[in-house]
Protein backbone atom coordinates (compact mmCIF):
# COMPACT_ATOMS: atom_id res chain seq x y z
CA MET A 1 -10.75 55.26 8.26
CA THR A 2 -9.27 51.65 8.47
CA THR A 3 -6.28 50.73 10.76
CA LEU A 4 -4.20 48.01 9.04
CA LEU A 5 -2.05 46.13 11.26
CA LEU A 6 0.74 44.49 9.25
CA VAL A 7 2.73 41.86 11.32
CA ARG A 8 5.46 39.15 10.70
CA HIS A 9 5.36 35.74 11.92
CA GLY A 10 7.24 34.55 14.83
CA HIS A 11 10.73 33.09 15.13
CA VAL A 12 11.68 29.97 12.87
CA ASP A 13 14.88 28.15 12.21
CA GLY A 14 16.79 29.55 9.31
CA ILE A 15 16.75 33.28 10.49
CA LYS A 16 20.21 33.11 11.90
CA PRO A 17 22.20 32.14 10.19
CA GLU A 18 20.34 32.94 7.32
CA ARG A 19 18.66 30.80 4.88
CA PHE A 20 16.30 31.67 2.03
CA ARG A 21 13.18 30.37 3.62
CA GLY A 22 10.66 31.36 1.19
CA ARG A 23 8.03 28.66 0.70
CA ALA A 24 9.59 26.10 3.34
CA ASP A 25 6.59 25.47 5.46
CA LEU A 26 8.65 26.03 8.66
CA ALA A 27 6.85 25.73 12.25
CA LEU A 28 7.39 28.36 14.93
CA THR A 29 10.13 27.58 17.23
CA ALA A 30 9.39 27.85 21.02
CA THR A 31 10.67 31.48 20.91
CA GLY A 32 8.36 32.01 17.97
CA ARG A 33 5.41 30.75 19.93
CA ARG A 34 6.26 32.99 22.87
CA GLN A 35 6.47 35.84 20.55
CA ALA A 36 3.29 35.27 18.94
CA GLU A 37 1.50 35.21 22.28
CA LEU A 38 3.06 38.31 23.15
CA LEU A 39 2.13 40.02 19.89
CA ALA A 40 -1.37 38.78 20.45
CA ARG A 41 -1.48 40.28 23.84
CA ARG A 42 -0.41 43.53 22.62
CA ILE A 43 -2.93 43.67 19.79
CA SER A 44 -5.87 42.58 21.84
CA ALA A 45 -5.19 45.18 24.51
CA LEU A 46 -4.83 48.15 21.93
CA TRP A 47 -7.31 47.14 19.22
CA ALA A 48 -10.31 45.28 18.29
CA PRO A 49 -9.67 43.65 14.84
CA ASP A 50 -12.63 43.00 12.76
CA ALA A 51 -10.73 40.55 10.59
CA ILE A 52 -7.25 38.68 10.55
CA TYR A 53 -5.92 37.26 7.43
CA THR A 54 -2.65 35.19 7.23
CA SER A 55 -0.20 33.60 4.82
CA PRO A 56 -1.10 29.83 4.36
CA LEU A 57 2.31 28.82 5.56
CA GLN A 58 2.14 27.49 9.06
CA ARG A 59 4.34 30.05 10.85
CA SER A 60 1.99 32.54 9.85
CA VAL A 61 -1.13 30.52 10.46
CA ALA A 62 0.19 29.87 13.86
CA THR A 63 1.09 33.41 14.84
CA GLY A 64 -2.40 34.51 13.24
CA ALA A 65 -3.99 31.87 15.30
CA ALA A 66 -2.58 33.34 18.56
CA VAL A 67 -3.92 36.64 17.69
CA ALA A 68 -7.28 35.29 16.64
CA ALA A 69 -7.62 33.44 20.04
CA ALA A 70 -6.63 36.63 21.91
CA CYS A 71 -9.21 38.87 20.07
CA GLY A 72 -12.16 36.37 19.42
CA VAL A 73 -11.83 36.79 15.69
CA ALA A 74 -11.29 34.06 12.98
CA ALA A 75 -8.10 34.02 11.00
CA GLU A 76 -8.53 33.58 7.15
CA PRO A 77 -5.48 32.30 5.11
CA LEU A 78 -4.90 34.26 1.74
CA GLY A 79 -2.49 32.60 -0.84
CA GLY A 80 -1.44 36.01 -1.95
CA LEU A 81 0.20 36.66 1.38
CA SER A 82 2.53 33.61 0.94
CA ASP A 83 6.31 34.25 1.10
CA ILE A 84 8.57 34.89 -1.89
CA ASP A 85 9.12 31.78 -3.95
CA TYR A 86 12.99 31.58 -4.15
CA GLY A 87 12.78 28.75 -6.45
CA ALA A 88 16.23 26.89 -6.93
CA TRP A 89 17.42 28.99 -4.08
CA GLN A 90 14.81 27.60 -1.79
CA SER A 91 16.49 26.59 1.69
CA LEU A 92 19.95 27.43 0.72
CA SER A 93 22.25 29.17 3.19
CA HIS A 94 23.58 32.54 2.28
CA ASP A 95 26.95 31.05 1.82
CA ASP A 96 25.94 28.53 -0.37
CA ALA A 97 23.85 30.77 -2.58
CA ARG A 98 26.84 33.17 -2.82
CA ALA A 99 28.98 30.28 -3.86
CA GLN A 100 26.54 29.10 -6.43
CA ASN A 101 25.96 32.35 -8.06
CA PRO A 102 27.78 35.45 -6.50
CA ASP A 103 26.59 37.83 -9.28
CA LEU A 104 23.06 36.98 -8.68
CA PHE A 105 23.57 37.01 -4.79
CA ALA A 106 25.26 40.46 -4.91
CA ALA A 107 22.50 41.75 -7.25
CA TRP A 108 19.78 40.68 -4.88
CA PHE A 109 21.33 42.93 -2.03
CA ALA A 110 22.18 45.91 -4.45
CA THR A 111 19.32 46.08 -7.04
CA PRO A 112 16.51 43.74 -5.68
CA GLN A 113 14.05 45.07 -7.89
CA ARG A 114 16.04 43.52 -11.16
CA VAL A 115 16.33 40.07 -9.52
CA GLY A 116 14.34 37.09 -10.52
CA PHE A 117 15.17 33.93 -8.68
CA PRO A 118 15.88 30.82 -10.89
CA ASP A 119 12.61 28.79 -11.09
CA GLY A 120 11.08 31.32 -8.64
CA GLU A 121 9.42 34.91 -8.32
CA SER A 122 10.66 38.35 -8.75
CA LEU A 123 9.57 41.35 -6.47
CA GLN A 124 7.31 42.31 -9.26
CA ASP A 125 5.56 38.97 -8.94
CA VAL A 126 5.04 39.42 -5.16
CA ALA A 127 3.88 42.98 -5.57
CA ALA A 128 1.32 41.97 -8.10
CA ARG A 129 -0.10 39.37 -5.79
CA THR A 130 0.16 41.43 -2.68
CA ALA A 131 -1.77 44.29 -4.48
CA GLY A 132 -4.40 41.87 -5.06
CA VAL A 133 -4.66 40.99 -1.34
CA LEU A 134 -4.85 44.70 -0.56
CA ARG A 135 -7.49 45.49 -2.72
CA LEU A 136 -9.72 42.46 -1.56
CA VAL A 137 -9.29 43.22 2.18
CA LEU A 138 -9.68 46.78 2.00
CA ALA A 139 -12.99 46.39 -0.06
CA ARG A 140 -14.59 44.58 2.96
CA PRO A 141 -16.04 46.70 5.62
CA ALA A 142 -13.66 46.86 8.61
CA ASP A 143 -12.31 49.36 11.07
CA THR A 144 -9.30 47.24 11.99
CA LEU A 145 -7.32 44.56 9.85
CA VAL A 146 -4.53 42.35 10.75
CA LEU A 147 -2.44 40.83 8.01
CA VAL A 148 0.24 38.23 9.12
CA GLY A 149 2.91 38.14 6.46
CA HIS A 150 6.61 37.25 6.11
CA ASP A 151 9.89 39.49 5.93
CA SER A 152 9.60 39.89 2.04
CA VAL A 153 6.03 40.10 1.73
CA ASN A 154 5.67 42.87 4.30
CA ARG A 155 8.63 44.94 2.86
CA VAL A 156 6.83 44.72 -0.58
CA LEU A 157 3.46 45.78 1.07
CA LEU A 158 5.07 48.59 2.62
CA THR A 159 6.55 49.80 -0.56
CA GLN A 160 3.12 49.74 -2.02
CA LEU A 161 1.38 51.53 0.96
CA LEU A 162 4.00 54.27 1.30
CA ASP A 163 4.17 54.75 -2.60
CA MET A 164 7.82 53.96 -2.77
CA PRO A 165 9.56 51.95 -5.45
CA LEU A 166 10.76 48.37 -4.97
CA SER A 167 14.17 49.56 -4.91
CA ALA A 168 13.44 50.82 -1.44
CA TYR A 169 12.89 47.08 -0.44
CA TRP A 170 16.06 46.94 1.84
CA ARG A 171 15.14 50.04 3.66
CA PHE A 172 12.55 48.32 5.77
CA ALA A 173 13.49 46.12 8.73
CA GLN A 174 10.93 43.52 9.53
CA HIS A 175 11.92 41.41 12.68
CA PRO A 176 9.85 38.45 13.95
CA CYS A 177 6.46 39.33 15.39
CA CYS A 178 7.02 42.98 14.61
CA LEU A 179 3.95 45.34 14.28
CA ASN A 180 3.37 47.94 11.55
CA GLU A 181 0.54 50.19 12.06
CA ILE A 182 -1.08 51.97 8.91
CA GLU A 183 -4.13 54.44 8.77
CA ILE A 184 -5.76 54.47 5.43
CA THR A 185 -8.64 56.94 4.51
CA ALA A 186 -10.12 57.68 1.34
CA SER A 187 -7.60 60.64 0.76
CA SER A 188 -4.30 59.42 2.66
CA ILE A 189 -2.17 56.75 3.91
CA GLN A 190 -0.21 57.51 7.11
CA LEU A 191 2.42 55.03 8.84
CA ARG A 192 1.85 55.21 12.63
CA ARG A 193 4.63 52.76 13.47
CA MET A 194 6.94 50.27 11.87
CA ASN A 195 8.76 47.23 12.92
CA ASP A 196 7.79 47.81 16.52
CA THR A 197 8.69 45.07 18.99
CA ALA A 198 8.30 46.72 22.28
CA HIS A 199 5.94 43.91 23.22
CA LEU A 200 8.76 41.42 22.77
CA GLU A 201 11.03 43.03 25.57
CA SER A 202 9.83 40.77 28.32
CA GLU A 203 10.47 37.66 26.09
């Protein structure tokens, strides 16, 4: 059995009010750094990860580094875990994106599986590269793995792991430094916890 701990990076600017952050290489805020430390403390207390993989974007690298330091395991960046490429919408506020293309903006929230961002990616693109990440990391011997990703990446990974369509994308909440626990065997995949932020209550 493999325990997969899927987490999101800590807080960054652009979460509220919301922007299409995507590939913007944002640093953790002071709040985000504190969240990462609390996440790391919880993971190290409950599990002994064999490997930690992160998105190459610095907000995920820094979150993964906190977990790595607490657990005594090196973290490895994987390009396939990078956030969705919003293309021409990169760094736009939601208000600006809505004003620029109201139909596409509405479609993103109604039928995300049918949207391709101008000069960017679709959810199908994200699904293809994250499926590759899953194949890679699950092929390596490990009892417990940590993946440090992003809101969009984690939602897509959860649809794959739970055998759900991409149209279910918005059914998953992924708060900063949340924890998802998935148990994977040769015959089953079971979700043990999702979007768990109990470790942040003392924040």
